[in-house]
Protein backbone atom coordinates (compact mmCIF):
# COMPACT_ATOMS: atom_id res chain seq x y z
CA MET A 1 88.78 7.91 -127.02
CA ALA A 2 92.02 5.98 -126.17
CA GLY A 3 93.38 9.15 -124.42
CA PHE A 4 90.38 9.40 -122.46
CA GLU A 5 90.46 6.00 -121.25
CA ILE A 6 94.37 6.20 -120.31
CA ARG A 7 93.57 9.37 -118.22
CA LEU A 8 90.58 7.87 -116.19
CA ARG A 9 92.33 4.68 -115.68
CA ARG A 10 95.37 6.63 -114.18
CA GLU A 11 93.26 8.60 -111.98
CA LEU A 12 91.47 5.24 -110.66
CA ALA A 13 95.01 3.88 -110.11
CA ALA A 14 95.89 6.96 -107.93
CA LEU A 15 92.77 6.68 -105.99
CA GLU A 16 93.69 2.92 -105.29
CA GLU A 17 97.34 3.85 -104.47
CA HIS A 18 96.32 6.27 -101.83
CA ASN A 19 93.58 3.95 -100.46
CA LEU A 20 90.73 6.39 -101.70
CA ARG A 21 89.07 4.10 -103.81
CA ARG A 22 85.39 3.23 -102.75
CA ALA A 23 82.90 0.58 -103.25
CA PRO A 24 79.52 0.19 -102.33
CA ARG A 25 78.77 -2.11 -99.66
CA PRO A 26 75.44 -3.49 -98.47
CA PRO A 27 74.50 -3.30 -94.66
CA SER A 28 75.84 -6.34 -92.61
CA GLY A 29 76.09 -6.30 -88.72
CA ILE A 30 74.78 -3.92 -86.10
CA ASP A 31 74.29 -0.69 -87.88
CA LEU A 32 76.57 2.08 -86.36
CA SER A 33 77.09 3.86 -89.65
CA SER A 34 73.86 4.97 -91.28
CA ASN A 35 71.61 8.19 -90.51
CA ASP A 36 68.66 6.30 -89.18
CA TYR A 37 69.16 7.76 -85.61
CA LEU A 38 65.40 7.12 -84.49
CA CYS A 39 65.02 3.85 -86.23
CA LEU A 40 62.03 5.21 -88.43
CA ALA A 41 63.28 3.72 -91.71
CA ALA A 42 61.97 0.18 -91.03
CA HIS A 43 59.45 1.14 -88.69
CA PRO A 44 55.93 -0.84 -89.15
CA SER A 45 53.58 2.24 -89.45
CA VAL A 46 55.98 4.05 -91.90
CA ARG A 47 56.54 0.90 -93.89
CA ARG A 48 52.63 0.12 -93.98
CA ALA A 49 51.74 3.79 -94.92
CA MET A 50 54.17 3.82 -97.80
CA ALA A 51 53.01 0.18 -98.98
CA GLU A 52 49.09 1.38 -98.62
CA ALA A 53 49.87 4.52 -100.64
CA ALA A 54 51.72 2.60 -103.40
CA VAL A 55 48.83 0.46 -103.76
CA ARG A 56 46.13 3.04 -103.73
CA GLU A 57 48.12 6.08 -105.91
CA GLY A 58 50.84 3.92 -107.80
CA CYS A 59 54.41 4.58 -107.58
CA GLY A 60 55.95 7.12 -109.93
CA SER A 61 54.92 10.71 -110.07
CA THR A 62 54.95 11.00 -113.67
CA GLY A 63 56.55 14.34 -114.08
CA SER A 64 57.84 17.44 -112.24
CA ARG A 65 55.77 19.05 -109.63
CA LEU A 66 54.97 21.99 -112.32
CA LEU A 67 54.02 19.49 -115.02
CA ARG A 68 52.01 16.60 -113.68
CA GLY A 69 53.85 15.64 -110.78
CA GLU A 70 52.01 17.43 -107.89
CA ARG A 71 49.59 15.68 -105.76
CA GLU A 72 47.58 17.21 -102.82
CA CYS A 73 49.39 14.84 -100.43
CA PHE A 74 52.48 16.91 -101.09
CA ARG A 75 50.86 20.09 -100.44
CA ARG A 76 49.54 18.96 -97.26
CA LEU A 77 52.88 17.36 -96.11
CA GLU A 78 54.65 20.66 -96.97
CA ALA A 79 52.08 22.72 -94.81
CA ARG A 80 52.41 20.14 -91.98
CA PHE A 81 56.36 20.61 -92.16
CA ALA A 82 56.01 24.27 -91.98
CA ALA A 83 53.70 24.28 -88.97
CA PHE A 84 56.44 21.61 -87.36
CA GLN A 85 59.08 24.11 -88.09
CA GLY A 86 57.34 27.23 -87.01
CA ALA A 87 57.65 28.47 -90.54
CA GLU A 88 55.20 29.95 -93.08
CA ARG A 89 55.77 27.61 -95.97
CA ALA A 90 57.86 24.60 -96.97
CA LEU A 91 58.94 23.27 -100.30
CA TYR A 92 59.80 19.39 -100.62
CA PHE A 93 62.81 18.35 -102.87
CA SER A 94 63.51 14.73 -103.76
CA SER A 95 66.89 14.67 -102.17
CA GLY A 96 68.95 16.73 -99.66
CA PHE A 97 71.80 17.27 -102.34
CA LEU A 98 69.01 18.69 -104.66
CA ALA A 99 67.69 21.37 -101.93
CA ASN A 100 70.86 22.62 -101.04
CA LEU A 101 71.70 23.01 -104.79
CA ALA A 102 68.38 25.08 -105.19
CA VAL A 103 68.68 27.12 -102.07
CA LEU A 104 72.25 28.24 -102.78
CA SER A 105 72.13 28.45 -106.48
CA THR A 106 69.14 30.33 -106.58
CA PHE A 107 69.10 32.80 -103.44
CA PRO A 108 72.79 34.33 -103.77
CA GLN A 109 73.42 36.19 -107.09
CA ALA A 110 76.29 37.76 -108.86
CA GLY A 111 77.49 40.73 -106.69
CA ASP A 112 76.46 38.82 -103.59
CA THR A 113 78.82 37.36 -100.79
CA VAL A 114 78.37 34.09 -99.32
CA PHE A 115 80.13 33.26 -96.16
CA SER A 116 80.78 29.64 -95.78
CA ASP A 117 81.78 27.28 -92.76
CA ALA A 118 85.06 25.60 -93.82
CA LEU A 119 83.79 22.11 -93.17
CA ASN A 120 80.37 22.72 -94.88
CA HIS A 121 78.84 19.78 -96.76
CA ALA A 122 79.69 19.32 -100.64
CA SER A 123 76.06 19.94 -101.49
CA LEU A 124 76.17 23.42 -99.92
CA ILE A 125 79.63 24.21 -101.71
CA ASP A 126 78.25 23.08 -105.04
CA GLY A 127 75.22 25.07 -104.79
CA MET A 128 77.43 28.32 -104.01
CA ARG A 129 79.78 27.56 -106.91
CA LEU A 130 76.56 27.61 -109.37
CA SER A 131 75.16 30.76 -107.85
CA HIS A 132 78.15 33.42 -109.34
CA ALA A 133 78.24 34.86 -105.86
CA ARG A 134 81.68 35.60 -104.36
CA ARG A 135 82.35 32.78 -101.74
CA GLN A 136 84.46 33.36 -98.49
CA ILE A 137 85.32 30.54 -96.27
CA PHE A 138 85.69 31.32 -92.28
CA ALA A 139 87.25 28.97 -90.01
CA HIS A 140 85.09 25.98 -88.54
CA CYS A 141 82.60 27.37 -86.20
CA ASP A 142 84.69 30.57 -85.75
CA THR A 143 82.34 33.36 -84.52
CA ARG A 144 85.26 35.85 -84.38
CA ALA A 145 86.49 34.99 -87.94
CA LEU A 146 83.02 35.51 -89.42
CA ALA A 147 82.36 38.87 -87.74
CA LEU A 148 85.55 40.15 -89.12
CA ARG A 149 84.92 38.82 -92.66
CA LEU A 150 81.37 40.27 -92.59
CA ARG A 151 82.48 43.61 -91.37
CA GLU A 152 85.15 43.90 -93.94
CA ALA A 153 82.83 42.81 -96.59
CA GLY A 154 81.16 46.49 -96.90
CA THR A 155 77.86 46.91 -98.01
CA ALA A 156 77.75 46.18 -101.57
CA GLY A 157 75.42 43.29 -102.55
CA GLN A 158 73.56 40.97 -100.08
CA LYS A 159 75.45 38.85 -97.59
CA PHE A 160 74.64 35.18 -96.80
CA VAL A 161 75.95 32.98 -93.68
CA VAL A 162 75.70 29.39 -94.87
CA THR A 163 76.46 26.50 -92.13
CA GLU A 164 75.05 23.11 -91.13
CA SER A 165 73.77 23.18 -87.54
CA LEU A 166 75.15 19.86 -86.55
CA PHE A 167 78.15 18.90 -88.81
CA SER A 168 77.88 15.47 -90.50
CA MET A 169 81.69 14.35 -89.70
CA ASP A 170 82.47 15.94 -86.76
CA GLY A 171 79.25 15.80 -84.80
CA ASP A 172 79.81 19.50 -83.44
CA ARG A 173 77.00 22.23 -83.21
CA ALA A 174 77.37 25.92 -84.82
CA PRO A 175 77.16 28.68 -82.67
CA LEU A 176 73.59 29.73 -84.20
CA ALA A 177 72.57 32.09 -81.84
CA GLU A 178 75.89 33.92 -82.33
CA TYR A 179 75.62 33.68 -85.95
CA ALA A 180 71.93 35.03 -86.03
CA ALA A 181 73.09 38.02 -83.88
CA LEU A 182 75.80 38.78 -86.39
CA CYS A 183 73.47 38.45 -89.22
CA ARG A 184 71.00 41.19 -87.51
CA GLU A 185 73.97 43.54 -87.03
CA THR A 186 75.32 43.04 -90.58
CA GLY A 187 72.29 42.79 -92.67
CA ALA A 188 73.23 39.10 -93.56
CA VAL A 189 70.68 36.29 -94.36
CA LEU A 190 71.38 32.93 -92.31
CA ILE A 191 70.88 30.00 -94.10
CA VAL A 192 71.36 26.44 -92.01
CA ASP A 193 71.50 22.92 -92.89
CA GLU A 194 69.68 21.04 -90.43
CA ALA A 195 70.23 17.55 -92.01
CA HIS A 196 71.44 15.95 -88.86
CA ALA A 197 69.50 17.76 -86.32
CA VAL A 198 65.84 17.79 -87.68
CA GLY A 199 63.87 14.90 -85.72
CA ILE A 200 66.27 14.96 -82.82
CA TYR A 201 66.88 18.49 -81.12
CA GLY A 202 64.39 20.79 -79.82
CA ARG A 203 61.19 20.50 -77.80
CA ARG A 204 59.13 19.54 -80.92
CA GLY A 205 62.13 17.94 -82.50
CA SER A 206 62.19 20.38 -85.28
CA GLY A 207 65.88 20.89 -84.86
CA LEU A 208 68.81 22.94 -83.38
CA LEU A 209 67.26 26.12 -84.48
CA GLU A 210 64.32 25.47 -82.27
CA GLU A 211 66.58 24.47 -79.38
CA SER A 212 69.11 27.75 -79.81
CA GLY A 213 66.09 29.82 -80.38
CA ALA A 214 68.14 31.39 -83.19
CA PRO A 215 66.10 32.65 -86.12
CA ALA A 216 67.11 31.79 -89.81
CA LEU A 217 65.61 32.98 -92.94
CA ILE A 218 65.89 29.66 -94.79
CA SER A 219 66.71 26.06 -93.12
CA ILE A 220 67.10 22.93 -95.17
CA ASN A 221 65.56 19.54 -93.54
CA THR A 222 66.61 16.65 -94.75
CA ALA A 223 64.00 13.74 -94.66
CA GLY A 224 66.25 10.83 -95.25
CA LYS A 225 68.14 10.72 -91.98
CA ALA A 226 66.34 10.71 -88.38
CA LEU A 227 62.99 11.06 -90.46
CA GLY A 228 63.77 7.89 -91.90
CA VAL A 229 62.49 8.33 -95.46
CA SER A 230 63.89 10.62 -98.28
CA GLY A 231 64.24 13.77 -99.66
CA ALA A 232 64.17 17.19 -98.04
CA PHE A 233 62.20 20.21 -96.79
CA VAL A 234 63.20 23.90 -97.29
CA ALA A 235 61.41 25.97 -95.08
CA GLY A 236 61.06 29.63 -94.44
CA PRO A 237 58.78 33.12 -95.27
CA GLU A 238 56.18 32.60 -97.82
CA TRP A 239 57.72 35.06 -100.23
CA ALA A 240 61.13 33.24 -99.94
CA ILE A 241 59.57 29.87 -100.47
CA GLU A 242 57.49 31.14 -103.22
CA TYR A 243 60.67 32.82 -105.04
CA LEU A 244 62.53 29.24 -104.87
CA ALA A 245 59.51 27.46 -106.51
CA GLN A 246 59.49 29.89 -109.30
CA LYS A 247 63.16 30.11 -109.80
CA ALA A 248 64.91 27.04 -108.42
CA ARG A 249 66.15 24.82 -111.26
CA PRO A 250 66.55 21.55 -109.21
CA PHE A 251 62.69 22.00 -108.29
CA ILE A 252 61.48 23.01 -111.81
CA PHE A 253 63.34 20.54 -114.20
CA SER A 254 63.30 17.67 -111.77
CA THR A 255 60.68 14.88 -111.68
CA ALA A 256 58.79 15.03 -108.34
CA ALA A 257 59.14 12.16 -105.76
CA PRO A 258 57.16 9.18 -105.81
CA VAL A 259 53.94 9.59 -104.30
CA PRO A 260 53.82 6.86 -101.53
CA VAL A 261 56.99 8.88 -100.10
CA ALA A 262 54.41 11.36 -98.76
CA ALA A 263 52.40 9.07 -96.79
CA ALA A 264 55.61 7.45 -95.34
CA LEU A 265 56.82 11.16 -94.31
CA ASP A 266 53.30 12.01 -92.82
CA THR A 267 53.59 8.77 -90.69
CA ALA A 268 57.13 9.78 -89.54
CA LEU A 269 56.42 12.95 -88.51
CA THR A 270 53.47 11.75 -86.42
CA LEU A 271 56.09 9.38 -84.76
CA ILE A 272 58.34 12.24 -83.96
CA GLU A 273 55.70 14.30 -82.50
CA HIS A 274 54.08 11.68 -80.53
CA GLU A 275 57.14 9.45 -79.41
CA PRO A 276 59.65 12.19 -77.79
CA TRP A 277 61.26 9.34 -76.12
CA ARG A 278 63.07 8.40 -79.23
CA ARG A 279 64.96 11.51 -79.32
CA SER A 280 65.53 11.43 -75.55
CA LEU A 281 66.84 7.75 -75.72
CA LEU A 282 69.04 8.85 -78.71
CA ARG A 283 71.01 11.45 -76.88
CA HIS A 284 71.22 9.39 -73.66
CA ARG A 285 72.67 6.47 -75.96
CA ALA A 286 75.05 8.92 -77.55
CA ARG A 287 76.28 10.42 -74.19
CA TYR A 288 76.85 7.13 -72.86
CA LEU A 289 79.10 5.79 -75.84
CA ARG A 290 80.83 9.15 -75.82
CA GLN A 291 81.66 8.69 -72.04
CA LEU A 292 82.93 5.28 -72.66
CA LEU A 293 85.37 6.78 -75.30
CA GLY A 294 86.31 9.73 -72.96
CA MET A 295 84.20 12.13 -75.49
CA PRO A 296 82.06 14.99 -74.14
CA GLY A 297 78.60 16.09 -75.75
CA ASP A 298 75.49 14.23 -76.74
CA SER A 299 75.73 14.51 -80.40
CA ALA A 300 74.82 10.86 -82.29
CA ILE A 301 77.69 11.39 -84.49
CA VAL A 302 80.88 10.12 -82.92
CA PRO A 303 83.89 10.68 -85.02
CA VAL A 304 87.07 8.53 -84.09
CA VAL A 305 89.77 10.32 -86.02
CA ILE A 306 92.55 7.71 -87.05
CA GLY A 307 94.69 9.77 -89.21
CA GLU A 308 96.14 7.69 -92.38
CA ASN A 309 93.53 6.05 -94.89
CA ARG A 310 95.01 2.88 -94.57
CA ASP A 311 94.81 2.44 -91.14
CA ALA A 312 90.96 3.80 -91.01
CA LEU A 313 90.23 1.05 -93.49
CA ARG A 314 91.88 -1.67 -91.58
CA VAL A 315 90.42 -0.84 -88.27
CA ALA A 316 87.05 -0.53 -90.06
CA GLU A 317 87.59 -3.99 -91.36
CA GLU A 318 88.66 -5.56 -87.96
CA LEU A 319 85.33 -3.92 -86.23
CA GLN A 320 83.27 -5.04 -89.28
CA GLN A 321 84.60 -8.97 -88.72
CA GLU A 322 83.47 -8.82 -85.18
CA GLY A 323 79.76 -7.81 -86.21
CA PHE A 324 79.94 -3.86 -86.03
CA ASP A 325 78.93 -2.24 -89.30
CA VAL A 326 81.42 1.02 -89.14
CA ARG A 327 82.67 2.55 -92.28
CA ALA A 328 86.05 4.24 -93.13
CA ILE A 329 85.46 7.94 -94.03
CA ARG A 330 88.29 9.59 -96.17
CA PRO A 331 89.05 12.47 -98.24
CA PRO A 332 87.35 14.43 -99.76
CA SER A 333 84.67 13.80 -97.16
CA VAL A 334 87.16 14.66 -94.35
CA PRO A 335 90.33 16.84 -94.55
CA GLU A 336 93.63 15.03 -95.62
CA GLY A 337 95.15 13.30 -92.55
CA THR A 338 91.98 12.93 -90.72
CA ALA A 339 90.49 9.67 -92.15
CA ARG A 340 88.27 8.43 -89.40
CA LEU A 341 85.43 6.28 -88.47
CA ARG A 342 82.33 8.09 -88.41
CA VAL A 343 80.10 6.05 -85.71
CA ALA A 344 76.49 6.80 -85.58
CA VAL A 345 74.28 5.98 -82.58
CA ASN A 346 70.81 4.88 -83.09
CA VAL A 347 68.21 4.05 -80.70
CA GLY A 348 67.78 0.21 -81.48
CA ILE A 349 71.30 -0.21 -80.10
CA SER A 350 71.67 -1.25 -76.23
CA GLU A 351 74.16 -0.10 -73.65
CA ARG A 352 75.36 -3.69 -73.42
CA THR A 353 76.15 -3.32 -77.44
CA LEU A 354 77.61 -0.09 -77.04
CA GLU A 355 79.92 -1.42 -74.29
CA ARG A 356 80.98 -4.40 -76.41
CA PHE A 357 81.84 -1.98 -79.45
CA ALA A 358 83.48 0.55 -77.23
CA ALA A 359 86.05 -2.06 -75.56
CA MET A 360 86.69 -3.53 -79.20
CA LEU A 361 86.93 -0.10 -80.74
CA VAL A 362 89.69 0.86 -78.33
CA HIS A 363 91.59 -2.34 -78.35
CA THR A 364 91.76 -2.22 -82.18
CA VAL A 365 92.95 1.40 -82.27
CA LYS A 366 95.50 0.92 -79.60
CA LYS A 367 96.90 -1.91 -81.34
CA ARG A 368 97.58 -0.13 -84.46
CA GLU A 369 98.88 2.75 -82.87
CA CYS A 370 96.70 5.25 -84.50
CA VAL A 371 95.84 8.67 -83.61
CA ALA A 372 92.71 8.06 -81.62
CA PHE A 373 93.10 6.95 -77.88
CA SER A 374 96.99 7.08 -78.07
């Protein structure tokens, strides 16, 4: 035991030395760091629906969906989300991480090859590792690199292309239409994580697959970001989702989500469908902040790359002292040497507030002579 303790204490000390030790910190100040893009997490209707469902049906689900945790409200919610996505069927998981683990550890098998964007989320990577399939990393959003790897792979086994649609740390989009075309040419299966796009993009708000017109066999749609609640839906054809329900260990062996979550999500979907002004306003606010900072695009995720871990922490602390809740993002969440502020815009922030924040951010970064705005 003593040797084990010494080893862990050394590793903790190394994290401290390299400014990589983390500590949970409650929300404080103006929210410029959460994923509550549409401000639905505290919406009165969503809160009311969840509270009423808790009184009516209780809180815990008491077991896995295949044991005693199944409820008709989740079946209805899955059917509604499938229609929202234009898919045949959807399956709900209690977290986005579990959904990605389920998809990537269940569909790819030994002898298959998974082609993964270099900046894919940890949950996608961990799922691939559990699949026993070969994994090939292609350069971030590089269609040519992916095409070359797909064509060199030959015909043995099934090929899968896995990508986020909107990348969580850089806020840039994957070229989904080009990927879909490559998958058609090579017989690969396209799997897209829409975590930061669902609720925001597309005519219905169902995500970047809808906006780009690119077909994917499977999409993973997190419900704890723009949808404001928790969990995730995997959407796709009936046969694929049924296979997932029968084979995915994170579904079979996990206690089902609390029952009131279904009512909250149903209400959130209604708001997204009936209040398209939310996603329009979000993209307008995001464009405005980006213009203030000299950055193109309309993604609500605005990366301000600082460089060194210590500098990113200090810039974040100074902004927090001014009432802006931004957080420093460091490795392994981002590559070494690219520590940053991951600024996240939401519809509750006014243009005047964005102007004050942008001015303070530029002043603070320049004062420290960091990479951004230098």
